[in-house]
C-alpha atoms as a PDB file:
ATOM      1  CA  MET A   1       0.000   0.000   0.000  1.00  0.00           C
ATOM      2  CA  VAL A   2       2.909   2.363   0.727  1.00  0.00           C
ATOM      3  CA  ILE A   3       4.359   1.836  -2.755  1.00  0.00           C
ATOM      4  CA  GLY A   4       1.026   2.790  -4.340  1.00  0.00           C
ATOM      5  CA  GLY A   5       0.918   6.005  -2.319  1.00  0.00           C
ATOM      6  CA  ILE A   6       4.474   6.906  -3.283  1.00  0.00           C
ATOM      7  CA  SER A   7       3.676   6.248  -6.936  1.00  0.00           C
ATOM      8  CA  THR A   8       0.620   8.496  -6.723  1.00  0.00           C
ATOM      9  CA  ASN A   9       2.623  11.257  -5.038  1.00  0.00           C
ATOM     10  CA  ILE A  10       5.342  11.100  -7.685  1.00  0.00           C
ATOM     11  CA  SER A  11       2.746  11.202 -10.471  1.00  0.00           C
ATOM     12  CA  THR A  12       0.987  14.158  -8.841  1.00  0.00           C
ATOM     13  CA  ASN A  13       4.292  16.013  -8.470  1.00  0.00           C
ATOM     14  CA  ASP A  14       5.108  15.380 -12.140  1.00  0.00           C
ATOM     15  CA  VAL A  15       1.743  16.807 -13.213  1.00  0.00           C
ATOM     16  CA  GLN A  16       2.186  19.831 -10.953  1.00  0.00           C
ATOM     17  CA  SER A  17       5.657  20.444 -12.372  1.00  0.00           C
ATOM     18  CA  ASP A  18       4.354  20.171 -15.943  1.00  0.00           C
ATOM     19  CA  VAL A  19       1.562  22.641 -15.205  1.00  0.00           C
ATOM     20  CA  SER A  20       4.011  25.048 -13.578  1.00  0.00           C
ATOM     21  CA  VAL A  21       6.317  24.915 -16.598  1.00  0.00           C
ATOM     22  CA  LEU A  22       3.422  25.517 -18.990  1.00  0.00           C
ATOM     23  CA  MET A  23       2.190  28.490 -16.942  1.00  0.00           C
ATOM     24  CA  LEU A  24       5.691  29.993 -16.895  1.00  0.00           C
ATOM     25  CA  ARG A  25       6.020  29.487 -20.653  1.00  0.00           C
ATOM     26  CA  LYS A  26       2.668  31.280 -21.191  1.00  0.00           C
ATOM     27  CA  GLN A  27       3.792  34.163 -18.976  1.00  0.00           C
ATOM     28  CA  LEU A  28       7.049  34.500 -20.901  1.00  0.00           C
ATOM     29  CA  ASP A  29       5.161  34.537 -24.220  1.00  0.00           C
ATOM     30  CA  THR A  30       2.830  37.227 -22.892  1.00  0.00           C
ATOM     31  CA  ILE A  31       5.743  39.343 -21.641  1.00  0.00           C
ATOM     32  CA  GLU A  32       7.570  38.939 -24.955  1.00  0.00           C
ATOM     33  CA  GLN A  33       4.481  40.025 -26.924  1.00  0.00           C
ATOM     34  CA  GLY A  34       4.101  43.024 -24.613  1.00  0.00           C
ATOM     35  CA  GLY A  35       7.696  43.993 -25.383  1.00  0.00           C
ATOM     36  CA  VAL A  36       7.069  43.750 -29.126  1.00  0.00           C
ATOM     37  CA  ASP A  37       3.930  45.879 -28.794  1.00  0.00           C
ATOM     38  CA  LEU A  38       5.767  48.442 -26.668  1.00  0.00           C
ATOM     39  CA  THR A  39       8.564  48.654 -29.246  1.00  0.00           C
ATOM     40  CA  LYS A  40       6.020  49.270 -32.028  1.00  0.00           C
ATOM     41  CA  MET A  41       4.328  52.005 -30.003  1.00  0.00           C
ATOM     42  CA  MET A  42       7.660  53.694 -29.312  1.00  0.00           C
ATOM     43  CA  GLU A  43       8.624  53.565 -32.993  1.00  0.00           C
ATOM     44  CA  GLN A  44       5.301  55.125 -33.976  1.00  0.00           C
ATOM     45  CA  SER A  45       5.659  57.879 -31.393  1.00  0.00           C
ATOM     46  CA  VAL A  46       8.933  58.982 -32.999  1.00  0.00           C
ATOM     47  CA  ASN A  47       7.403  59.091 -36.516  1.00  0.00           C
ATOM     48  CA  PRO A  48       3.622  59.127 -35.978  1.00  0.00           C
ATOM     49  CA  THR A  49       2.865  59.963 -39.632  1.00  0.00           C
ATOM     50  CA  VAL A  50       4.792  57.038 -41.113  1.00  0.00           C
ATOM     51  CA  GLY A  51       2.304  54.632 -42.670  1.00  0.00           C
ATOM     52  CA  GLY A  52      -0.632  56.912 -41.939  1.00  0.00           C
ATOM     53  CA  ASN A  53      -1.244  58.122 -45.516  1.00  0.00           C
ATOM     54  CA  ILE A  54      -2.001  56.268 -48.722  1.00  0.00           C
ATOM     55  CA  ASP A  55      -1.417  57.906 -52.115  1.00  0.00           C
ATOM     56  CA  LEU A  56      -4.168  56.769 -54.454  1.00  0.00           C
ATOM     57  CA  THR A  57      -3.057  58.713 -57.545  1.00  0.00           C
ATOM     58  CA  VAL A  58      -3.779  56.735 -60.701  1.00  0.00           C
END
């Protein structure tokens, strides 16, 4: 009976570790996307008119 309990505890710890790693990976992706968005906003603030006009002369 003790071996079964140990096996269950190890399995539970593995699942908890996997979930923790996945949550950390999601947080890192979110932070990275926020950095990309912040960089774009900063670039646009330097040249706010770049890409704002379309010349439709035919």
